[in-house]
C-alpha atoms as a PDB file:
ATOM      1  CA  MET A   1     130.425  61.955 129.105  1.00  0.00           C
ATOM      2  CA  SER A   2     127.468  60.828 131.150  1.00  0.00           C
ATOM      3  CA  ASN A   3     125.561  58.873 128.517  1.00  0.00           C
ATOM      4  CA  GLU A   4     126.453  55.311 127.637  1.00  0.00           C
ATOM      5  CA  PHE A   5     125.194  53.774 124.423  1.00  0.00           C
ATOM      6  CA  LEU A   6     125.181  50.091 123.561  1.00  0.00           C
ATOM      7  CA  LEU A   7     123.920  48.874 120.202  1.00  0.00           C
ATOM      8  CA  ASN A   8     123.438  45.195 119.483  1.00  0.00           C
ATOM      9  CA  ALA A   9     124.154  44.108 115.933  1.00  0.00           C
ATOM     10  CA  GLN A  10     124.634  40.987 113.861  1.00  0.00           C
ATOM     11  CA  ALA A  11     127.154  40.225 111.139  1.00  0.00           C
ATOM     12  CA  ARG A  12     125.562  40.318 107.689  1.00  0.00           C
ATOM     13  CA  THR A  13     126.577  37.990 104.864  1.00  0.00           C
ATOM     14  CA  ASP A  14     123.621  38.524 102.526  1.00  0.00           C
ATOM     15  CA  LEU A  15     124.891  41.634 100.721  1.00  0.00           C
ATOM     16  CA  GLY A  16     123.697  43.896  97.916  1.00  0.00           C
ATOM     17  CA  LYS A  17     120.848  46.356  97.415  1.00  0.00           C
ATOM     18  CA  GLY A  18     118.257  43.614  97.031  1.00  0.00           C
ATOM     19  CA  ALA A  19     119.286  41.995 100.306  1.00  0.00           C
ATOM     20  CA  SER A  20     119.176  45.356 102.091  1.00  0.00           C
ATOM     21  CA  ARG A  21     115.682  46.038 100.827  1.00  0.00           C
ATOM     22  CA  ARG A  22     114.524  42.619 102.026  1.00  0.00           C
ATOM     23  CA  LEU A  23     115.971  43.286 105.482  1.00  0.00           C
ATOM     24  CA  ARG A  24     114.105  46.554 105.809  1.00  0.00           C
ATOM     25  CA  ARG A  25     110.829  45.269 104.387  1.00  0.00           C
ATOM     26  CA  LEU A  26     110.527  41.824 105.923  1.00  0.00           C
ATOM     27  CA  ALA A  27     112.461  41.996 109.177  1.00  0.00           C
ATOM     28  CA  ASN A  28     112.476  45.720 110.064  1.00  0.00           C
ATOM     29  CA  ILE A  29     116.269  45.533 110.153  1.00  0.00           C
ATOM     30  CA  MET A  30     118.645  48.331 109.141  1.00  0.00           C
ATOM     31  CA  PRO A  31     121.840  47.445 107.232  1.00  0.00           C
ATOM     32  CA  ALA A  32     125.039  49.172 108.348  1.00  0.00           C
ATOM     33  CA  ILE A  33     128.813  49.024 108.061  1.00  0.00           C
ATOM     34  CA  VAL A  34     131.610  49.385 110.604  1.00  0.00           C
ATOM     35  CA  TYR A  35     135.121  50.209 109.387  1.00  0.00           C
ATOM     36  CA  GLY A  36     138.438  51.747 110.414  1.00  0.00           C
ATOM     37  CA  GLY A  37     141.265  50.720 112.693  1.00  0.00           C
ATOM     38  CA  ASP A  38     143.359  47.710 111.766  1.00  0.00           C
ATOM     39  CA  LYS A  39     140.370  45.529 110.875  1.00  0.00           C
ATOM     40  CA  ALA A  40     138.566  44.994 107.594  1.00  0.00           C
ATOM     41  CA  PRO A  41     135.178  46.672 107.031  1.00  0.00           C
ATOM     42  CA  GLU A  42     132.312  44.604 108.407  1.00  0.00           C
ATOM     43  CA  GLN A  43     128.747  44.524 107.103  1.00  0.00           C
ATOM     44  CA  ILE A  44     126.255  44.390 109.967  1.00  0.00           C
ATOM     45  CA  SER A  45     122.539  44.723 110.670  1.00  0.00           C
ATOM     46  CA  ILE A  46     120.712  46.470 113.532  1.00  0.00           C
ATOM     47  CA  VAL A  47     117.070  46.292 114.615  1.00  0.00           C
ATOM     48  CA  HIS A  48     115.501  49.444 113.197  1.00  0.00           C
ATOM     49  CA  LYS A  49     113.579  50.395 116.329  1.00  0.00           C
ATOM     50  CA  ASP A  50     116.826  50.260 118.341  1.00  0.00           C
ATOM     51  CA  ILE A  51     118.587  52.803 116.127  1.00  0.00           C
ATOM     52  CA  ILE A  52     115.503  55.037 116.047  1.00  0.00           C
ATOM     53  CA  LYS A  53     115.355  55.086 119.844  1.00  0.00           C
ATOM     54  CA  ALA A  54     119.083  55.844 120.128  1.00  0.00           C
ATOM     55  CA  LEU A  55     118.828  58.730 117.669  1.00  0.00           C
ATOM     56  CA  GLU A  56     116.285  60.456 119.914  1.00  0.00           C
ATOM     57  CA  ASN A  57     119.207  61.405 122.172  1.00  0.00           C
ATOM     58  CA  GLU A  58     121.342  64.199 120.689  1.00  0.00           C
ATOM     59  CA  ALA A  59     124.428  62.840 122.454  1.00  0.00           C
ATOM     60  CA  PHE A  60     124.296  59.702 120.302  1.00  0.00           C
ATOM     61  CA  TYR A  61     125.599  61.686 117.319  1.00  0.00           C
ATOM     62  CA  SER A  62     128.803  62.804 119.083  1.00  0.00           C
ATOM     63  CA  HIS A  63     129.500  60.048 121.574  1.00  0.00           C
ATOM     64  CA  ILE A  64     131.709  56.991 121.792  1.00  0.00           C
ATOM     65  CA  LEU A  65     129.334  54.073 121.211  1.00  0.00           C
ATOM     66  CA  THR A  66     129.716  50.417 122.122  1.00  0.00           C
ATOM     67  CA  LEU A  67     128.768  48.199 119.205  1.00  0.00           C
ATOM     68  CA  ASP A  68     128.157  44.557 120.134  1.00  0.00           C
ATOM     69  CA  VAL A  69     128.387  42.423 116.998  1.00  0.00           C
ATOM     70  CA  GLY A  70     127.462  38.866 117.868  1.00  0.00           C
ATOM     71  CA  GLY A  71     128.985  39.130 121.346  1.00  0.00           C
ATOM     72  CA  LYS A  72     132.148  40.976 120.280  1.00  0.00           C
ATOM     73  CA  LYS A  73     132.200  44.578 121.491  1.00  0.00           C
ATOM     74  CA  GLN A  74     134.021  47.457 119.834  1.00  0.00           C
ATOM     75  CA  GLN A  75     134.150  51.219 120.334  1.00  0.00           C
ATOM     76  CA  VAL A  76     132.815  53.309 117.448  1.00  0.00           C
ATOM     77  CA  ILE A  77     131.367  56.677 116.517  1.00  0.00           C
ATOM     78  CA  LEU A  78     128.507  57.339 114.133  1.00  0.00           C
ATOM     79  CA  LYS A  79     129.943  58.783 110.903  1.00  0.00           C
ATOM     80  CA  ASP A  80     126.996  58.871 108.529  1.00  0.00           C
ATOM     81  CA  LEU A  81     123.272  58.212 108.281  1.00  0.00           C
ATOM     82  CA  GLN A  82     121.151  57.677 105.209  1.00  0.00           C
ATOM     83  CA  ARG A  83     117.496  58.528 105.844  1.00  0.00           C
ATOM     84  CA  HIS A  84     114.407  57.964 103.736  1.00  0.00           C
ATOM     85  CA  PRO A  85     113.458  61.270 102.046  1.00  0.00           C
ATOM     86  CA  ALA A  86     109.786  61.069 103.036  1.00  0.00           C
ATOM     87  CA  LYS A  87     109.413  58.517 105.840  1.00  0.00           C
ATOM     88  CA  ALA A  88     110.808  58.243 109.370  1.00  0.00           C
ATOM     89  CA  ILE A  89     113.104  55.431 108.326  1.00  0.00           C
ATOM     90  CA  VAL A  90     116.879  55.111 108.605  1.00  0.00           C
ATOM     91  CA  LEU A  91     118.106  53.272 105.523  1.00  0.00           C
ATOM     92  CA  HIS A  92     121.784  52.789 106.384  1.00  0.00           C
ATOM     93  CA  ALA A  93     124.416  53.794 108.937  1.00  0.00           C
ATOM     94  CA  ASP A  94     128.209  54.036 108.893  1.00  0.00           C
ATOM     95  CA  PHE A  95     130.219  53.468 112.088  1.00  0.00           C
ATOM     96  CA  LEU A  96     133.928  54.230 112.507  1.00  0.00           C
ATOM     97  CA  ARG A  97     136.062  52.211 114.916  1.00  0.00           C
ATOM     98  CA  VAL A  98     138.040  54.301 117.401  1.00  0.00           C
ATOM     99  CA  SER A  99     141.168  53.652 119.434  1.00  0.00           C
ATOM    100  CA  ALA A 100     141.810  55.113 122.887  1.00  0.00           C
ATOM    101  CA  ASN A 101     145.243  56.450 121.900  1.00  0.00           C
ATOM    102  CA  GLN A 102     144.397  57.706 118.409  1.00  0.00           C
ATOM    103  CA  GLU A 103     142.777  61.077 117.676  1.00  0.00           C
ATOM    104  CA  LEU A 104     139.457  61.121 115.864  1.00  0.00           C
ATOM    105  CA  THR A 105     137.664  63.776 113.832  1.00  0.00           C
ATOM    106  CA  THR A 106     133.906  64.256 114.065  1.00  0.00           C
ATOM    107  CA  ASN A 107     131.172  66.888 114.379  1.00  0.00           C
ATOM    108  CA  VAL A 108     129.668  67.960 117.703  1.00  0.00           C
ATOM    109  CA  PRO A 109     126.599  70.181 118.192  1.00  0.00           C
ATOM    110  CA  LEU A 110     126.762  73.763 119.437  1.00  0.00           C
ATOM    111  CA  HIS A 111     124.498  74.741 122.346  1.00  0.00           C
ATOM    112  CA  PHE A 112     123.615  78.447 122.503  1.00  0.00           C
ATOM    113  CA  LEU A 113     122.944  79.438 126.128  1.00  0.00           C
ATOM    114  CA  ASN A 114     121.076  82.425 127.641  1.00  0.00           C
ATOM    115  CA  GLU A 115     119.707  83.713 124.360  1.00  0.00           C
ATOM    116  CA  GLU A 116     116.734  85.267 126.142  1.00  0.00           C
ATOM    117  CA  ALA A 117     119.166  87.302 128.279  1.00  0.00           C
ATOM    118  CA  CYS A 118     121.380  88.357 125.354  1.00  0.00           C
ATOM    119  CA  GLU A 119     122.368  92.029 125.716  1.00  0.00           C
ATOM    120  CA  GLY A 120     121.919  92.770 122.015  1.00  0.00           C
ATOM    121  CA  VAL A 121     118.396  91.372 122.108  1.00  0.00           C
ATOM    122  CA  LYS A 122     117.243  92.835 125.437  1.00  0.00           C
ATOM    123  CA  THR A 123     118.590  96.366 125.091  1.00  0.00           C
ATOM    124  CA  GLY A 124     119.410  96.609 121.403  1.00  0.00           C
ATOM    125  CA  GLY A 125     116.250  95.078 119.989  1.00  0.00           C
ATOM    126  CA  GLY A 126     118.257  92.744 117.771  1.00  0.00           C
ATOM    127  CA  SER A 127     117.820  89.107 116.890  1.00  0.00           C
ATOM    128  CA  ILE A 128     120.237  86.185 117.025  1.00  0.00           C
ATOM    129  CA  THR A 129     121.323  84.460 113.834  1.00  0.00           C
ATOM    130  CA  HIS A 130     122.925  81.015 113.943  1.00  0.00           C
ATOM    131  CA  ASN A 131     125.346  80.561 111.064  1.00  0.00           C
ATOM    132  CA  VAL A 132     126.343  77.034 112.068  1.00  0.00           C
ATOM    133  CA  ILE A 133     124.887  74.576 114.574  1.00  0.00           C
ATOM    134  CA  GLU A 134     127.806  72.138 114.834  1.00  0.00           C
ATOM    135  CA  ALA A 135     131.591  72.209 114.681  1.00  0.00           C
ATOM    136  CA  GLU A 136     134.164  69.692 113.467  1.00  0.00           C
ATOM    137  CA  VAL A 137     136.560  68.754 116.256  1.00  0.00           C
ATOM    138  CA  ARG A 138     139.693  66.662 116.623  1.00  0.00           C
ATOM    139  CA  CYS A 139     140.578  64.942 119.895  1.00  0.00           C
ATOM    140  CA  LEU A 140     141.214  61.653 121.642  1.00  0.00           C
ATOM    141  CA  PRO A 141     138.079  59.553 122.262  1.00  0.00           C
ATOM    142  CA  ALA A 142     138.209  60.214 126.018  1.00  0.00           C
ATOM    143  CA  ASP A 143     138.122  63.987 125.398  1.00  0.00           C
ATOM    144  CA  LEU A 144     135.218  63.990 122.924  1.00  0.00           C
ATOM    145  CA  PRO A 145     132.557  66.484 124.131  1.00  0.00           C
ATOM    146  CA  GLU A 146     128.870  65.808 123.616  1.00  0.00           C
ATOM    147  CA  PHE A 147     128.427  69.492 122.737  1.00  0.00           C
ATOM    148  CA  ILE A 148     130.166  72.873 122.930  1.00  0.00           C
ATOM    149  CA  GLU A 149     128.461  75.669 124.870  1.00  0.00           C
ATOM    150  CA  ILE A 150     128.272  79.287 123.698  1.00  0.00           C
ATOM    151  CA  ASP A 151     127.061  81.839 126.270  1.00  0.00           C
ATOM    152  CA  MET A 152     125.135  84.612 124.498  1.00  0.00           C
ATOM    153  CA  THR A 153     124.548  86.785 127.598  1.00  0.00           C
ATOM    154  CA  ASP A 154     127.098  89.537 126.903  1.00  0.00           C
ATOM    155  CA  VAL A 155     126.861  89.541 123.107  1.00  0.00           C
ATOM    156  CA  GLU A 156     125.845  93.039 121.978  1.00  0.00           C
ATOM    157  CA  LEU A 157     124.065  94.317 118.890  1.00  0.00           C
ATOM    158  CA  GLY A 158     126.364  94.027 115.892  1.00  0.00           C
ATOM    159  CA  ASP A 159     128.686  91.485 117.536  1.00  0.00           C
ATOM    160  CA  ILE A 160     129.791  88.379 115.651  1.00  0.00           C
ATOM    161  CA  ILE A 161     130.998  85.213 117.373  1.00  0.00           C
ATOM    162  CA  HIS A 162     133.680  83.289 115.478  1.00  0.00           C
ATOM    163  CA  LEU A 163     135.068  79.787 115.948  1.00  0.00           C
ATOM    164  CA  SER A 164     138.135  81.322 117.585  1.00  0.00           C
ATOM    165  CA  ASP A 165     135.876  82.766 120.309  1.00  0.00           C
ATOM    166  CA  LEU A 166     134.628  79.368 121.468  1.00  0.00           C
ATOM    167  CA  LYS A 167     135.783  77.954 124.791  1.00  0.00           C
ATOM    168  CA  LEU A 168     136.904  74.402 124.093  1.00  0.00           C
ATOM    169  CA  PRO A 169     137.340  71.546 126.556  1.00  0.00           C
ATOM    170  CA  LYS A 170     140.894  70.450 127.267  1.00  0.00           C
ATOM    171  CA  GLY A 171     142.385  68.339 124.502  1.00  0.00           C
ATOM    172  CA  VAL A 172     139.895  69.471 121.845  1.00  0.00           C
ATOM    173  CA  THR A 173     140.816  71.465 118.725  1.00  0.00           C
ATOM    174  CA  LEU A 174     138.681  72.804 115.887  1.00  0.00           C
ATOM    175  CA  VAL A 175     139.522  71.436 112.460  1.00  0.00           C
ATOM    176  CA  GLN A 176     138.547  74.630 110.607  1.00  0.00           C
ATOM    177  CA  LEU A 177     140.906  76.750 112.714  1.00  0.00           C
ATOM    178  CA  SER A 178     143.791  74.437 111.901  1.00  0.00           C
ATOM    179  CA  HIS A 179     143.095  75.326 108.260  1.00  0.00           C
ATOM    180  CA  ASP A 180     142.842  79.078 109.055  1.00  0.00           C
ATOM    181  CA  HIS A 181     139.087  79.081 108.464  1.00  0.00           C
ATOM    182  CA  ASP A 182     137.719  81.197 111.322  1.00  0.00           C
ATOM    183  CA  LEU A 183     134.042  80.900 110.444  1.00  0.00           C
ATOM    184  CA  ALA A 184     131.284  83.082 111.877  1.00  0.00           C
ATOM    185  CA  VAL A 185     129.184  81.016 114.279  1.00  0.00           C
ATOM    186  CA  ALA A 186     126.468  83.452 115.383  1.00  0.00           C
ATOM    187  CA  SER A 187     125.662  87.157 115.374  1.00  0.00           C
ATOM    188  CA  VAL A 188     123.194  89.657 116.812  1.00  0.00           C
ATOM    189  CA  GLN A 189     121.782  91.915 114.136  1.00  0.00           C
ATOM    190  CA  THR A 190     119.099  94.582 113.864  1.00  0.00           C
ATOM    191  CA  THR A 191     115.790  93.110 112.790  1.00  0.00           C
ATOM    192  CA  ARG A 192     114.207  94.103 109.482  1.00  0.00           C
ATOM    193  CA  GLY A 193     111.305  95.807 111.273  1.00  0.00           C
ATOM    194  CA  ALA A 194     113.664  97.883 113.399  1.00  0.00           C
ATOM    195  CA  LYS A 195     115.598  98.914 110.299  1.00  0.00           C
ATOM    196  CA  ASP A 196     112.412 100.023 108.562  1.00  0.00           C
ATOM    197  CA  GLU A 197     111.353 102.088 111.582  1.00  0.00           C
ATOM    198  CA  GLU A 198     114.780 103.709 111.811  1.00  0.00           C
ATOM    199  CA  GLU A 199     114.806 104.567 108.117  1.00  0.00           C
ATOM    200  CA  SER A 200     111.274 105.932 108.369  1.00  0.00           C
ATOM    201  CA  ALA A 201     112.235 108.114 111.355  1.00  0.00           C
ATOM    202  CA  GLU A 202     115.274 109.442 109.515  1.00  0.00           C
ATOM    203  CA  GLY A 203     113.113 110.247 106.521  1.00  0.00           C
ATOM    204  CA  GLU A 204     110.619 112.174 108.636  1.00  0.00           C
ATOM    205  CA  GLU A 205     113.406 114.153 110.302  1.00  0.00           C
ATOM    206  CA  GLY A 206     114.791 115.019 106.881  1.00  0.00           C
ATOM    207  CA  GLU A 207     111.438 116.275 105.655  1.00  0.00           C
ATOM    208  CA  GLU A 208     110.917 118.417 108.757  1.00  0.00           C
ATOM    209  CA  GLY A 209     114.335 119.976 108.319  1.00  0.00           C
ATOM    210  CA  GLU A 210     113.753 121.048 104.677  1.00  0.00           C
ATOM    211  CA  GLU A 211     113.141 124.720 104.014  1.00  0.00           C
ATOM    212  CA  ALA A 212     110.035 125.782 102.173  1.00  0.00           C
ATOM    213  CA  PRO A 213     110.787 126.857  98.556  1.00  0.00           C
ATOM    214  CA  ALA A 214     110.945 130.618  97.955  1.00  0.00           C
ATOM    215  CA  GLU A 215     107.922 132.164  96.230  1.00  0.00           C
END
């Protein structure tokens, strides 16, 4: 993992919805919570512009983060975000403490590579459909990938890629597969326009092959 993320935070004692609204409105501060491990949940606050900047990097969502709360650092992952429905504002964040020797469960993004060179698109005239864009993984913190790559080069028309087809880094397992849920991840299918043309061509061939009615 090449990226390193450090977020500075402060412990928060003024709790409740009213206090959270005042933080956001008057101080441009985002309320948050950090929980898990053998410690009690802790209410914290983070400068809003700092979290916005961090979220610009996709790796932030699936990376071990260092949270500095008043000078005390702890390792966490981002578990949940609450965003404003209409404005570019993060209302609240949940962070989960992680331990180096304890497995964690979180979602990581899927990166689809070489789509422009996909066999089913180039020679079959199909189009790629993404059924899911992230996968839930279980692993030790040191093994957590920032993303999982899927090479689309040799995928042919009509092919479907399932979770069981993914190449996983060492030490990483997929939660859905452990529950026997082998979900479809992506597929290459004939486009609607191509289907219409094919059906039209078949119809014309059928008409040409019909015999004229006897007089």
